[in-house]
């Protein structure tokens, strides 16, 4: 569309997840790959700290921080995930007023990148599918634009938007730690067997997946 830049501003950042999620982005196309230096549990915007076993988090030195987009908690272990933040301004060709449909292109982007690293996947375009544990464990639910391998979620997508921009926060696990995820849920917590099958991992290095995602940007 006239007057809207379609060039991507690509950044790589390292630091605390809390500060990263708290800042508002500029209203322009941007793709930021963010990593953390310490194991962190990132809570969804509507998730209470009371859903976390804070004694376990302290004992295991897991930092607990909020984000401003929806969904359940996401575990970030350094070197074991790829997190991509995508921002599009209002009026961009990728913008959609339909909040659910607006996330479909994000999932398609991930599908193209996953195919480049040898992973065939599916795109969920239906309504939100919640479970008894999806408010505590992000990968236990499934939302529009999220990507699956078989019955397991491989890419989580959440969104926050204003009148000026939409911010899509996306991630996948290169290694899945259901024992740690389960231990961090405040009692009554799910069993490891309930959590283990809900997530699929990507058998690629961080560098290879970041390169594939960068090349797949529309």
N, C-alpha and C. Protein backbone atom coordinates (compact mmCIF):
# COMPACT_ATOMS: atom_id res chain seq x y z
N UNK A 1 0.85 -1.19 0.00
CA UNK A 1 0.00 0.00 0.00
C UNK A 1 0.88 1.24 0.00
N UNK A 2 0.37 2.32 -0.59
CA UNK A 2 1.15 3.55 -0.67
C UNK A 2 1.47 4.08 0.73
N UNK A 3 2.69 4.53 0.91
CA UNK A 3 3.06 5.19 2.16
C UNK A 3 3.48 4.25 3.27
N UNK A 4 3.46 2.94 3.02
CA UNK A 4 3.83 1.97 4.05
C UNK A 4 5.07 1.21 3.60
N UNK A 5 6.14 1.27 4.36
CA UNK A 5 7.36 0.56 4.00
C UNK A 5 7.15 -0.94 4.10
N UNK A 6 7.63 -1.69 3.09
CA UNK A 6 7.54 -3.14 3.12
C UNK A 6 8.91 -3.77 3.30
N UNK A 7 9.89 -2.98 3.74
CA UNK A 7 11.21 -3.51 4.04
C UNK A 7 11.26 -3.97 5.49
N UNK A 8 11.90 -5.10 5.73
CA UNK A 8 12.01 -5.62 7.09
C UNK A 8 13.24 -5.06 7.78
N UNK A 9 13.07 -4.59 8.99
CA UNK A 9 14.19 -4.22 9.85
C UNK A 9 14.49 -5.44 10.72
N UNK A 10 15.62 -6.10 10.48
CA UNK A 10 15.95 -7.35 11.16
C UNK A 10 16.97 -7.09 12.25
N UNK A 11 16.67 -7.56 13.46
CA UNK A 11 17.55 -7.34 14.61
C UNK A 11 17.77 -8.66 15.35
N UNK A 12 18.87 -8.71 16.08
CA UNK A 12 19.17 -9.82 16.97
C UNK A 12 19.48 -9.22 18.34
N UNK A 13 18.81 -9.68 19.37
CA UNK A 13 19.02 -9.11 20.70
C UNK A 13 19.16 -10.21 21.73
N UNK A 14 19.89 -9.88 22.79
CA UNK A 14 20.10 -10.80 23.92
C UNK A 14 19.86 -10.00 25.19
N UNK A 15 19.11 -10.57 26.12
CA UNK A 15 18.86 -9.87 27.37
C UNK A 15 17.66 -10.42 28.09
N UNK A 16 17.24 -9.74 29.14
CA UNK A 16 16.10 -10.18 29.93
C UNK A 16 14.82 -10.18 29.13
N UNK A 17 14.03 -11.23 29.28
CA UNK A 17 12.78 -11.33 28.54
C UNK A 17 11.75 -10.32 29.02
N UNK A 18 11.76 -10.00 30.32
CA UNK A 18 10.79 -9.06 30.86
C UNK A 18 10.91 -7.69 30.24
N UNK A 19 12.12 -7.15 30.18
CA UNK A 19 12.34 -5.83 29.60
C UNK A 19 12.04 -5.83 28.11
N UNK A 20 12.40 -6.92 27.44
CA UNK A 20 12.14 -7.00 26.01
C UNK A 20 10.65 -6.96 25.70
N UNK A 21 9.86 -7.70 26.47
CA UNK A 21 8.43 -7.75 26.21
C UNK A 21 7.72 -6.47 26.65
N UNK A 22 8.29 -5.75 27.59
CA UNK A 22 7.62 -4.56 28.13
C UNK A 22 7.67 -3.37 27.18
N UNK A 23 8.66 -3.31 26.32
CA UNK A 23 8.80 -2.12 25.48
C UNK A 23 7.86 -2.19 24.29
N UNK A 24 7.36 -1.02 23.89
CA UNK A 24 6.50 -0.94 22.72
C UNK A 24 7.37 -0.78 21.47
N UNK A 25 7.04 -1.50 20.40
CA UNK A 25 7.83 -1.39 19.17
C UNK A 25 7.46 -0.15 18.38
N UNK A 26 8.31 0.22 17.44
CA UNK A 26 7.99 1.27 16.49
C UNK A 26 7.04 0.71 15.44
N UNK A 27 6.15 1.56 14.88
CA UNK A 27 5.18 1.07 13.89
C UNK A 27 5.81 0.90 12.51
N UNK A 28 6.65 -0.10 12.36
CA UNK A 28 7.28 -0.43 11.09
C UNK A 28 7.52 -1.93 11.05
N UNK A 29 7.71 -2.45 9.86
CA UNK A 29 7.99 -3.88 9.76
C UNK A 29 9.32 -4.19 10.45
N UNK A 30 9.27 -5.09 11.40
CA UNK A 30 10.51 -5.51 12.07
C UNK A 30 10.43 -6.99 12.43
N UNK A 31 11.59 -7.61 12.41
CA UNK A 31 11.73 -9.01 12.80
C UNK A 31 12.89 -9.07 13.77
N UNK A 32 12.60 -9.40 15.03
CA UNK A 32 13.63 -9.40 16.06
C UNK A 32 13.77 -10.82 16.62
N UNK A 33 14.96 -11.37 16.52
CA UNK A 33 15.28 -12.66 17.12
C UNK A 33 15.87 -12.38 18.50
N UNK A 34 15.14 -12.81 19.53
CA UNK A 34 15.57 -12.50 20.89
C UNK A 34 15.98 -13.77 21.62
N UNK A 35 17.05 -13.69 22.36
CA UNK A 35 17.49 -14.82 23.19
C UNK A 35 17.76 -14.33 24.60
N UNK A 36 17.79 -15.25 25.54
CA UNK A 36 17.99 -14.90 26.95
C UNK A 36 19.28 -15.54 27.44
N UNK A 37 19.82 -14.96 28.50
CA UNK A 37 21.05 -15.47 29.10
C UNK A 37 20.78 -16.42 30.27
N UNK A 38 19.55 -16.34 30.80
CA UNK A 38 19.18 -17.17 31.95
C UNK A 38 17.85 -17.86 31.67
N UNK A 39 17.66 -19.05 32.20
CA UNK A 39 16.40 -19.77 32.03
C UNK A 39 15.25 -18.93 32.59
N UNK A 40 14.21 -18.77 31.77
CA UNK A 40 13.12 -17.84 32.08
C UNK A 40 11.78 -18.47 31.76
N UNK A 41 10.80 -18.24 32.63
CA UNK A 41 9.42 -18.61 32.37
C UNK A 41 8.65 -17.33 32.08
N UNK A 42 8.08 -17.23 30.88
CA UNK A 42 7.38 -16.02 30.46
C UNK A 42 5.88 -16.27 30.54
N UNK A 43 5.20 -15.49 31.36
CA UNK A 43 3.77 -15.68 31.58
C UNK A 43 2.95 -14.87 30.58
N UNK A 44 1.79 -15.41 30.19
CA UNK A 44 0.86 -14.68 29.34
C UNK A 44 0.26 -13.50 30.07
N UNK A 45 -0.31 -12.55 29.32
CA UNK A 45 -0.80 -11.30 29.89
C UNK A 45 -1.88 -11.49 30.95
N UNK A 46 -2.68 -12.54 30.82
CA UNK A 46 -3.76 -12.75 31.79
C UNK A 46 -3.41 -13.80 32.83
N UNK A 47 -2.17 -14.24 32.86
CA UNK A 47 -1.77 -15.32 33.76
C UNK A 47 -1.24 -14.77 35.07
N UNK A 48 -1.77 -15.25 36.16
CA UNK A 48 -1.34 -14.81 37.48
C UNK A 48 -0.05 -15.49 37.90
N UNK A 49 0.76 -14.78 38.67
CA UNK A 49 1.98 -15.36 39.23
C UNK A 49 1.64 -16.53 40.15
N UNK A 50 0.41 -16.57 40.64
CA UNK A 50 -0.01 -17.64 41.53
C UNK A 50 -0.10 -18.99 40.81
N UNK A 51 -0.08 -18.98 39.49
CA UNK A 51 -0.11 -20.24 38.75
C UNK A 51 1.27 -20.88 38.67
N UNK A 52 2.29 -20.19 39.20
CA UNK A 52 3.67 -20.68 39.16
C UNK A 52 4.09 -21.13 40.56
N UNK A 53 4.78 -22.24 40.65
CA UNK A 53 5.36 -22.67 41.92
C UNK A 53 6.63 -21.85 42.13
N UNK A 54 6.48 -20.76 42.86
CA UNK A 54 7.58 -19.81 42.99
C UNK A 54 8.75 -20.38 43.80
N UNK A 55 8.48 -21.30 44.69
CA UNK A 55 9.57 -21.94 45.45
C UNK A 55 10.44 -22.78 44.52
N UNK A 56 9.80 -23.52 43.62
CA UNK A 56 10.55 -24.32 42.64
C UNK A 56 11.34 -23.41 41.71
N UNK A 57 10.70 -22.34 41.24
CA UNK A 57 11.39 -21.40 40.35
C UNK A 57 12.63 -20.81 41.02
N UNK A 58 12.49 -20.44 42.29
CA UNK A 58 13.63 -19.88 43.01
C UNK A 58 14.73 -20.92 43.21
N UNK A 59 14.34 -22.13 43.56
CA UNK A 59 15.33 -23.18 43.81
C UNK A 59 16.10 -23.53 42.54
N UNK A 60 15.42 -23.48 41.40
CA UNK A 60 16.05 -23.84 40.12
C UNK A 60 16.61 -22.63 39.40
N UNK A 61 16.50 -21.45 40.04
CA UNK A 61 16.99 -20.19 39.47
C UNK A 61 16.36 -19.90 38.11
N UNK A 62 15.06 -20.09 38.06
CA UNK A 62 14.29 -19.77 36.86
C UNK A 62 13.63 -18.40 37.07
N UNK A 63 13.98 -17.45 36.22
CA UNK A 63 13.37 -16.12 36.31
C UNK A 63 11.95 -16.19 35.79
N UNK A 64 11.02 -15.52 36.46
CA UNK A 64 9.61 -15.51 36.04
C UNK A 64 9.24 -14.07 35.68
N UNK A 65 8.80 -13.85 34.43
CA UNK A 65 8.48 -12.50 33.96
C UNK A 65 7.17 -12.53 33.18
N UNK A 66 6.47 -11.38 33.10
CA UNK A 66 5.24 -11.32 32.31
C UNK A 66 5.53 -10.87 30.87
N UNK A 67 4.59 -11.16 29.99
CA UNK A 67 4.60 -10.54 28.67
C UNK A 67 3.25 -9.87 28.47
N UNK A 68 3.12 -9.09 27.42
CA UNK A 68 1.90 -8.31 27.21
C UNK A 68 1.02 -8.89 26.11
N UNK A 69 1.32 -10.10 25.70
CA UNK A 69 0.46 -10.80 24.75
C UNK A 69 -0.12 -12.03 25.45
N UNK A 70 -1.15 -12.61 24.85
CA UNK A 70 -1.89 -13.66 25.53
C UNK A 70 -1.24 -15.03 25.47
N UNK A 71 -1.98 -16.01 26.02
CA UNK A 71 -1.49 -17.38 26.03
C UNK A 71 -0.96 -17.79 27.38
N UNK A 72 -0.51 -19.05 27.45
CA UNK A 72 0.02 -19.58 28.69
C UNK A 72 1.52 -19.37 28.80
N UNK A 73 2.11 -19.95 29.84
CA UNK A 73 3.53 -19.75 30.12
C UNK A 73 4.41 -20.47 29.09
N UNK A 74 5.53 -19.82 28.78
CA UNK A 74 6.51 -20.36 27.84
C UNK A 74 7.86 -20.44 28.54
N UNK A 75 8.50 -21.58 28.45
CA UNK A 75 9.82 -21.78 29.06
C UNK A 75 10.91 -21.48 28.04
N UNK A 76 11.85 -20.61 28.43
CA UNK A 76 12.98 -20.26 27.58
C UNK A 76 14.26 -20.72 28.25
N UNK A 77 14.93 -21.69 27.65
CA UNK A 77 16.22 -22.17 28.13
C UNK A 77 17.27 -21.73 27.12
N UNK A 78 18.30 -21.01 27.52
CA UNK A 78 19.28 -20.50 26.56
C UNK A 78 19.79 -21.59 25.62
N UNK A 79 19.76 -21.27 24.32
CA UNK A 79 20.25 -22.19 23.31
C UNK A 79 19.30 -23.28 22.90
N UNK A 80 18.10 -23.33 23.54
CA UNK A 80 17.17 -24.43 23.28
C UNK A 80 15.87 -23.98 22.65
N UNK A 81 15.82 -22.78 22.10
CA UNK A 81 14.61 -22.26 21.48
C UNK A 81 14.98 -21.22 20.43
N UNK A 82 14.02 -20.89 19.58
CA UNK A 82 14.13 -19.74 18.69
C UNK A 82 12.88 -18.89 18.89
N UNK A 83 13.11 -17.63 19.26
CA UNK A 83 12.01 -16.70 19.49
C UNK A 83 12.09 -15.60 18.44
N UNK A 84 11.02 -15.39 17.72
CA UNK A 84 10.96 -14.36 16.69
C UNK A 84 9.79 -13.44 16.95
N UNK A 85 10.10 -12.17 17.14
CA UNK A 85 9.10 -11.12 17.29
C UNK A 85 8.89 -10.45 15.94
N UNK A 86 7.64 -10.36 15.50
CA UNK A 86 7.32 -9.73 14.22
C UNK A 86 6.37 -8.57 14.45
N UNK A 87 6.67 -7.43 13.85
CA UNK A 87 5.80 -6.25 13.96
C UNK A 87 5.43 -5.77 12.57
N UNK A 88 4.14 -5.51 12.36
CA UNK A 88 3.70 -4.87 11.11
C UNK A 88 2.86 -3.65 11.48
N UNK A 89 3.03 -2.55 10.74
CA UNK A 89 2.25 -1.36 11.02
C UNK A 89 0.84 -1.45 10.44
N UNK A 90 -0.07 -0.67 11.00
CA UNK A 90 -1.42 -0.58 10.43
C UNK A 90 -1.30 -0.09 8.99
N UNK A 91 -2.09 -0.68 8.10
CA UNK A 91 -2.04 -0.31 6.69
C UNK A 91 -1.10 -1.15 5.87
N UNK A 92 -0.27 -1.97 6.53
CA UNK A 92 0.63 -2.86 5.82
C UNK A 92 -0.19 -3.93 5.10
N UNK A 93 0.29 -4.42 3.94
CA UNK A 93 -0.44 -5.50 3.26
C UNK A 93 -0.61 -6.75 4.12
N UNK A 94 0.25 -6.94 5.12
CA UNK A 94 0.12 -8.09 6.01
C UNK A 94 -0.87 -7.85 7.15
N UNK A 95 -1.34 -6.64 7.29
CA UNK A 95 -2.28 -6.28 8.36
C UNK A 95 -3.66 -6.85 8.04
N UNK A 96 -4.36 -7.33 9.05
CA UNK A 96 -5.75 -7.75 8.92
C UNK A 96 -6.51 -7.30 10.15
N UNK A 97 -7.72 -6.79 9.93
CA UNK A 97 -8.56 -6.40 11.06
C UNK A 97 -9.13 -7.61 11.79
N UNK A 98 -9.12 -8.76 11.13
CA UNK A 98 -9.57 -10.01 11.74
C UNK A 98 -8.41 -10.55 12.58
N UNK A 99 -8.54 -10.50 13.89
CA UNK A 99 -7.42 -10.84 14.77
C UNK A 99 -6.96 -12.28 14.56
N UNK A 100 -7.89 -13.21 14.44
CA UNK A 100 -7.51 -14.61 14.24
C UNK A 100 -6.83 -14.81 12.89
N UNK A 101 -7.44 -14.29 11.82
CA UNK A 101 -6.89 -14.46 10.48
C UNK A 101 -5.55 -13.75 10.34
N UNK A 102 -5.35 -12.69 11.11
CA UNK A 102 -4.11 -11.91 10.99
C UNK A 102 -2.88 -12.72 11.35
N UNK A 103 -3.06 -13.86 12.04
CA UNK A 103 -1.91 -14.66 12.44
C UNK A 103 -1.59 -15.79 11.46
N UNK A 104 -2.42 -15.96 10.43
CA UNK A 104 -2.19 -17.06 9.50
C UNK A 104 -0.89 -16.89 8.72
N UNK A 105 -0.57 -15.65 8.29
CA UNK A 105 0.66 -15.45 7.52
C UNK A 105 1.89 -15.74 8.39
N UNK A 106 1.76 -15.51 9.70
CA UNK A 106 2.87 -15.77 10.61
C UNK A 106 3.17 -17.27 10.65
N UNK A 107 2.11 -18.07 10.78
CA UNK A 107 2.30 -19.51 10.76
C UNK A 107 2.84 -20.01 9.43
N UNK A 108 2.37 -19.41 8.33
CA UNK A 108 2.87 -19.81 7.01
C UNK A 108 4.35 -19.50 6.85
N UNK A 109 4.78 -18.37 7.41
CA UNK A 109 6.20 -18.03 7.41
C UNK A 109 7.02 -19.12 8.10
N UNK A 110 6.56 -19.53 9.27
CA UNK A 110 7.25 -20.60 9.99
C UNK A 110 7.23 -21.91 9.22
N UNK A 111 6.12 -22.21 8.56
CA UNK A 111 6.06 -23.44 7.78
C UNK A 111 7.13 -23.47 6.69
N UNK A 112 7.31 -22.34 5.99
CA UNK A 112 8.33 -22.27 4.94
C UNK A 112 9.72 -22.49 5.52
N UNK A 113 9.97 -21.86 6.68
CA UNK A 113 11.29 -22.01 7.31
C UNK A 113 11.51 -23.44 7.79
N UNK A 114 10.49 -24.03 8.39
CA UNK A 114 10.62 -25.40 8.89
C UNK A 114 10.87 -26.38 7.74
N UNK A 115 10.23 -26.15 6.61
CA UNK A 115 10.46 -27.02 5.46
C UNK A 115 11.91 -26.96 5.01
N UNK A 116 12.52 -25.79 5.15
CA UNK A 116 13.93 -25.64 4.75
C UNK A 116 14.87 -26.44 5.64
N UNK A 117 14.45 -26.71 6.89
CA UNK A 117 15.29 -27.51 7.79
C UNK A 117 14.76 -28.94 7.92
N UNK A 118 13.90 -29.33 6.98
CA UNK A 118 13.47 -30.72 6.89
C UNK A 118 12.27 -31.11 7.73
N UNK A 119 11.47 -30.13 8.18
CA UNK A 119 10.31 -30.43 9.02
C UNK A 119 9.03 -30.09 8.25
N UNK A 120 8.21 -31.09 7.99
CA UNK A 120 6.90 -30.86 7.37
C UNK A 120 5.88 -30.60 8.48
N UNK A 121 5.04 -29.60 8.26
CA UNK A 121 4.15 -29.17 9.35
C UNK A 121 2.79 -28.78 8.80
N UNK A 122 1.84 -28.58 9.72
CA UNK A 122 0.51 -28.13 9.37
C UNK A 122 0.19 -26.80 10.04
N UNK A 123 -0.75 -26.07 9.46
CA UNK A 123 -1.15 -24.76 9.98
C UNK A 123 -2.55 -24.84 10.56
N UNK A 124 -2.70 -24.41 11.81
CA UNK A 124 -4.03 -24.41 12.45
C UNK A 124 -4.75 -23.12 12.09
N UNK A 125 -5.83 -23.22 11.35
CA UNK A 125 -6.60 -22.04 10.96
C UNK A 125 -7.98 -22.01 11.62
N UNK A 126 -8.24 -22.95 12.50
CA UNK A 126 -9.52 -22.99 13.19
C UNK A 126 -9.52 -22.12 14.43
N UNK A 127 -10.56 -22.22 15.24
CA UNK A 127 -10.66 -21.43 16.46
C UNK A 127 -9.69 -21.92 17.53
N UNK A 128 -9.59 -21.14 18.58
CA UNK A 128 -8.76 -21.51 19.72
C UNK A 128 -9.22 -22.84 20.30
N UNK A 129 -8.24 -23.71 20.59
CA UNK A 129 -8.53 -24.98 21.25
C UNK A 129 -7.81 -24.99 22.59
N UNK A 130 -8.58 -24.85 23.64
CA UNK A 130 -8.02 -24.79 24.98
C UNK A 130 -8.09 -26.16 25.64
N UNK A 131 -7.27 -26.33 26.67
CA UNK A 131 -7.30 -27.56 27.46
C UNK A 131 -7.29 -27.17 28.93
N UNK A 132 -7.38 -28.16 29.79
CA UNK A 132 -7.40 -27.88 31.22
C UNK A 132 -6.09 -27.23 31.67
N UNK A 133 -4.99 -27.43 30.92
CA UNK A 133 -3.69 -26.89 31.33
C UNK A 133 -3.16 -25.79 30.42
N UNK A 134 -3.91 -25.37 29.41
CA UNK A 134 -3.37 -24.42 28.44
C UNK A 134 -3.14 -23.03 29.01
N UNK A 135 -3.82 -22.67 30.09
CA UNK A 135 -3.57 -21.36 30.70
C UNK A 135 -2.24 -21.35 31.45
N UNK A 136 -1.78 -22.52 31.88
CA UNK A 136 -0.50 -22.61 32.58
C UNK A 136 0.64 -22.99 31.65
N UNK A 137 0.34 -23.75 30.60
CA UNK A 137 1.37 -24.26 29.69
C UNK A 137 0.95 -23.90 28.26
N UNK A 138 1.65 -22.97 27.65
CA UNK A 138 1.28 -22.47 26.33
C UNK A 138 1.08 -23.59 25.31
N UNK A 139 2.01 -24.53 25.28
CA UNK A 139 1.98 -25.55 24.24
C UNK A 139 0.90 -26.61 24.46
N UNK A 140 0.13 -26.48 25.54
CA UNK A 140 -0.96 -27.42 25.78
C UNK A 140 -2.24 -26.99 25.09
N UNK A 141 -2.25 -25.79 24.52
CA UNK A 141 -3.40 -25.31 23.76
C UNK A 141 -3.00 -25.06 22.32
N UNK A 142 -3.95 -24.67 21.48
CA UNK A 142 -3.66 -24.43 20.08
C UNK A 142 -4.53 -23.28 19.58
N UNK A 143 -3.88 -22.27 18.99
CA UNK A 143 -4.60 -21.10 18.51
C UNK A 143 -4.41 -20.87 17.02
N UNK A 144 -5.16 -19.93 16.45
CA UNK A 144 -5.04 -19.62 15.02
C UNK A 144 -3.61 -19.21 14.66
N UNK A 145 -3.13 -19.73 13.53
CA UNK A 145 -1.80 -19.38 13.06
C UNK A 145 -0.69 -20.22 13.66
N UNK A 146 -1.00 -21.06 14.64
CA UNK A 146 0.04 -21.89 15.22
C UNK A 146 0.31 -23.10 14.34
N UNK A 147 1.50 -23.67 14.51
CA UNK A 147 1.99 -24.70 13.60
C UNK A 147 2.12 -26.01 14.35
N UNK A 148 1.74 -27.09 13.69
CA UNK A 148 1.75 -28.41 14.34
C UNK A 148 2.54 -29.42 13.51
N UNK A 149 3.06 -30.40 14.21
CA UNK A 149 3.63 -31.59 13.58
C UNK A 149 2.85 -32.75 14.15
N UNK A 150 2.01 -33.37 13.33
CA UNK A 150 1.09 -34.37 13.86
C UNK A 150 0.10 -33.70 14.80
N UNK A 151 -0.01 -34.22 16.01
CA UNK A 151 -0.91 -33.65 17.01
C UNK A 151 -0.20 -32.71 17.97
N UNK A 152 1.09 -32.49 17.79
CA UNK A 152 1.87 -31.68 18.73
C UNK A 152 2.14 -30.29 18.16
N UNK A 153 2.06 -29.28 19.01
CA UNK A 153 2.37 -27.91 18.58
C UNK A 153 3.87 -27.73 18.49
N UNK A 154 4.32 -27.18 17.37
CA UNK A 154 5.75 -26.94 17.20
C UNK A 154 6.08 -25.46 17.25
N UNK A 155 5.11 -24.59 16.91
CA UNK A 155 5.32 -23.13 16.96
C UNK A 155 4.14 -22.49 17.65
N UNK A 156 4.42 -21.75 18.72
CA UNK A 156 3.40 -20.98 19.41
C UNK A 156 3.39 -19.55 18.89
N UNK A 157 2.20 -18.95 18.82
CA UNK A 157 2.04 -17.58 18.32
C UNK A 157 1.10 -16.83 19.25
N UNK A 158 1.50 -15.65 19.71
CA UNK A 158 0.60 -14.77 20.46
C UNK A 158 0.67 -13.38 19.84
N UNK A 159 -0.30 -12.57 20.16
CA UNK A 159 -0.40 -11.27 19.50
C UNK A 159 -0.79 -10.17 20.48
N UNK A 160 -0.24 -9.00 20.25
CA UNK A 160 -0.69 -7.77 20.92
C UNK A 160 -0.79 -6.71 19.84
N UNK A 161 -1.86 -5.92 19.87
CA UNK A 161 -2.01 -4.91 18.83
C UNK A 161 -2.54 -3.60 19.38
N UNK A 162 -2.18 -2.52 18.69
CA UNK A 162 -2.72 -1.19 18.95
C UNK A 162 -3.29 -0.68 17.63
N UNK A 163 -3.69 0.57 17.60
CA UNK A 163 -4.16 1.14 16.34
C UNK A 163 -3.02 1.36 15.36
N UNK A 164 -1.80 1.40 15.88
CA UNK A 164 -0.64 1.69 15.03
C UNK A 164 0.10 0.45 14.55
N UNK A 165 0.04 -0.66 15.28
CA UNK A 165 0.84 -1.83 14.93
C UNK A 165 0.26 -3.10 15.53
N UNK A 166 0.70 -4.21 14.95
CA UNK A 166 0.42 -5.54 15.51
C UNK A 166 1.76 -6.22 15.77
N UNK A 167 1.90 -6.81 16.95
CA UNK A 167 3.14 -7.48 17.34
C UNK A 167 2.83 -8.96 17.56
N UNK A 168 3.54 -9.80 16.82
CA UNK A 168 3.35 -11.25 16.90
C UNK A 168 4.58 -11.85 17.57
N UNK A 169 4.37 -12.56 18.65
CA UNK A 169 5.47 -13.18 19.37
C UNK A 169 5.40 -14.68 19.12
N UNK A 170 6.46 -15.23 18.54
CA UNK A 170 6.45 -16.62 18.09
C UNK A 170 7.68 -17.35 18.61
N UNK A 171 7.53 -18.63 18.86
CA UNK A 171 8.70 -19.41 19.29
C UNK A 171 8.50 -20.90 19.06
N UNK A 172 9.63 -21.59 18.97
CA UNK A 172 9.62 -23.05 18.92
C UNK A 172 10.73 -23.56 19.84
N UNK A 173 10.58 -24.79 20.26
CA UNK A 173 11.59 -25.43 21.10
C UNK A 173 12.51 -26.29 20.23
N UNK A 174 13.79 -26.17 20.48
CA UNK A 174 14.75 -27.11 19.89
C UNK A 174 14.93 -28.30 20.83
N UNK A 175 14.63 -28.08 22.09
CA UNK A 175 14.59 -29.15 23.07
C UNK A 175 13.40 -28.89 23.98
N UNK A 176 12.63 -29.91 24.29
CA UNK A 176 11.42 -29.78 25.12
C UNK A 176 11.71 -30.40 26.48
N UNK A 177 11.42 -29.67 27.53
CA UNK A 177 11.69 -30.12 28.90
C UNK A 177 10.38 -30.24 29.69
N UNK A 178 9.59 -31.27 29.46
CA UNK A 178 8.30 -31.38 30.15
C UNK A 178 8.44 -31.53 31.66
N UNK A 179 9.52 -32.15 32.12
CA UNK A 179 9.71 -32.29 33.58
C UNK A 179 9.85 -30.93 34.25
N UNK A 180 10.63 -30.04 33.63
CA UNK A 180 10.83 -28.71 34.20
C UNK A 180 9.57 -27.87 34.07
N UNK A 181 8.92 -27.94 32.91
CA UNK A 181 7.67 -27.18 32.71
C UNK A 181 6.63 -27.59 33.76
N UNK A 182 6.49 -28.89 33.97
CA UNK A 182 5.53 -29.40 34.94
C UNK A 182 5.87 -28.97 36.36
N UNK A 183 7.14 -29.02 36.71
CA UNK A 183 7.56 -28.67 38.07
C UNK A 183 7.29 -27.21 38.40
N UNK A 184 7.25 -26.36 37.38
CA UNK A 184 7.05 -24.92 37.61
C UNK A 184 5.58 -24.53 37.76
N UNK A 185 4.67 -25.47 37.48
CA UNK A 185 3.24 -25.19 37.65
C UNK A 185 2.87 -25.37 39.12
N UNK A 186 2.17 -24.38 39.66
CA UNK A 186 1.74 -24.47 41.06
C UNK A 186 0.76 -25.62 41.23
N UNK A 187 0.84 -26.35 42.36
CA UNK A 187 -0.11 -27.44 42.60
C UNK A 187 -1.54 -26.93 42.63
N UNK A 188 -2.49 -27.73 42.16
CA UNK A 188 -2.29 -29.06 41.57
C UNK A 188 -1.72 -28.95 40.17
N UNK A 189 -0.65 -29.66 39.88
CA UNK A 189 0.03 -29.55 38.59
C UNK A 189 -0.25 -30.76 37.71
N UNK A 190 -0.07 -30.62 36.41
CA UNK A 190 -0.26 -31.77 35.52
C UNK A 190 0.86 -32.78 35.72
N UNK A 191 0.64 -33.98 35.26
CA UNK A 191 1.69 -35.00 35.27
C UNK A 191 2.60 -34.76 34.06
N UNK A 192 3.81 -35.27 34.15
CA UNK A 192 4.74 -35.16 33.02
C UNK A 192 4.15 -35.84 31.79
N UNK A 193 3.45 -36.95 31.98
CA UNK A 193 2.87 -37.68 30.84
C UNK A 193 1.78 -36.87 30.15
N UNK A 194 1.13 -35.94 30.87
CA UNK A 194 0.12 -35.08 30.26
C UNK A 194 0.75 -33.96 29.45
N UNK A 195 1.93 -33.54 29.85
CA UNK A 195 2.58 -32.39 29.20
C UNK A 195 3.52 -32.81 28.08
N UNK A 196 4.20 -33.92 28.26
CA UNK A 196 5.25 -34.33 27.31
C UNK A 196 4.80 -34.38 25.85
N UNK A 197 3.61 -34.93 25.53
CA UNK A 197 3.26 -35.09 24.11
C UNK A 197 2.78 -33.80 23.43
N UNK A 198 2.58 -32.72 24.17
CA UNK A 198 1.91 -31.56 23.58
C UNK A 198 2.82 -30.72 22.69
N UNK A 199 4.13 -30.87 22.80
CA UNK A 199 5.07 -30.05 22.03
C UNK A 199 5.97 -30.91 21.17
N UNK A 200 6.24 -30.41 19.96
CA UNK A 200 7.22 -31.03 19.07
C UNK A 200 8.44 -30.13 19.01
N UNK A 201 9.59 -30.71 18.78
CA UNK A 201 10.83 -29.93 18.70
C UNK A 201 11.32 -29.88 17.26
N UNK A 202 12.21 -28.92 17.00
CA UNK A 202 12.79 -28.77 15.67
C UNK A 202 14.23 -29.27 15.71
N UNK A 203 14.57 -30.28 14.89
CA UNK A 203 15.92 -30.83 14.90
C UNK A 203 16.87 -29.99 14.04
N UNK A 204 17.14 -28.78 14.50
CA UNK A 204 18.02 -27.87 13.77
C UNK A 204 18.77 -27.01 14.78
N UNK A 205 19.84 -26.39 14.34
CA UNK A 205 20.55 -25.46 15.20
C UNK A 205 19.83 -24.12 15.21
N UNK A 206 20.12 -23.31 16.22
CA UNK A 206 19.54 -21.96 16.26
C UNK A 206 19.92 -21.21 15.00
N UNK A 207 21.19 -21.25 14.60
CA UNK A 207 21.66 -20.50 13.45
C UNK A 207 20.95 -20.92 12.17
N UNK A 208 20.75 -22.23 11.99
CA UNK A 208 20.10 -22.71 10.77
C UNK A 208 18.65 -22.27 10.70
N UNK A 209 17.95 -22.32 11.82
CA UNK A 209 16.54 -21.94 11.83
C UNK A 209 16.38 -20.43 11.69
N UNK A 210 17.24 -19.67 12.31
CA UNK A 210 17.20 -18.20 12.17
C UNK A 210 17.44 -17.82 10.70
N UNK A 211 18.40 -18.47 10.06
CA UNK A 211 18.66 -18.18 8.64
C UNK A 211 17.45 -18.53 7.78
N UNK A 212 16.80 -19.66 8.06
CA UNK A 212 15.63 -20.08 7.29
C UNK A 212 14.46 -19.11 7.48
N UNK A 213 14.25 -18.65 8.71
CA UNK A 213 13.17 -17.70 8.98
C UNK A 213 13.45 -16.36 8.31
N UNK A 214 14.68 -15.91 8.35
CA UNK A 214 15.03 -14.65 7.70
C UNK A 214 14.77 -14.72 6.21
N UNK A 215 15.15 -15.82 5.58
CA UNK A 215 14.95 -15.99 4.15
C UNK A 215 13.47 -16.11 3.79
N UNK A 216 12.65 -16.58 4.74
CA UNK A 216 11.22 -16.82 4.47
C UNK A 216 10.34 -15.59 4.70
N UNK A 217 10.90 -14.50 5.22
CA UNK A 217 10.10 -13.31 5.48
C UNK A 217 9.40 -12.85 4.20
N UNK A 218 8.08 -12.60 4.27
CA UNK A 218 7.36 -12.24 3.05
C UNK A 218 7.67 -10.80 2.59
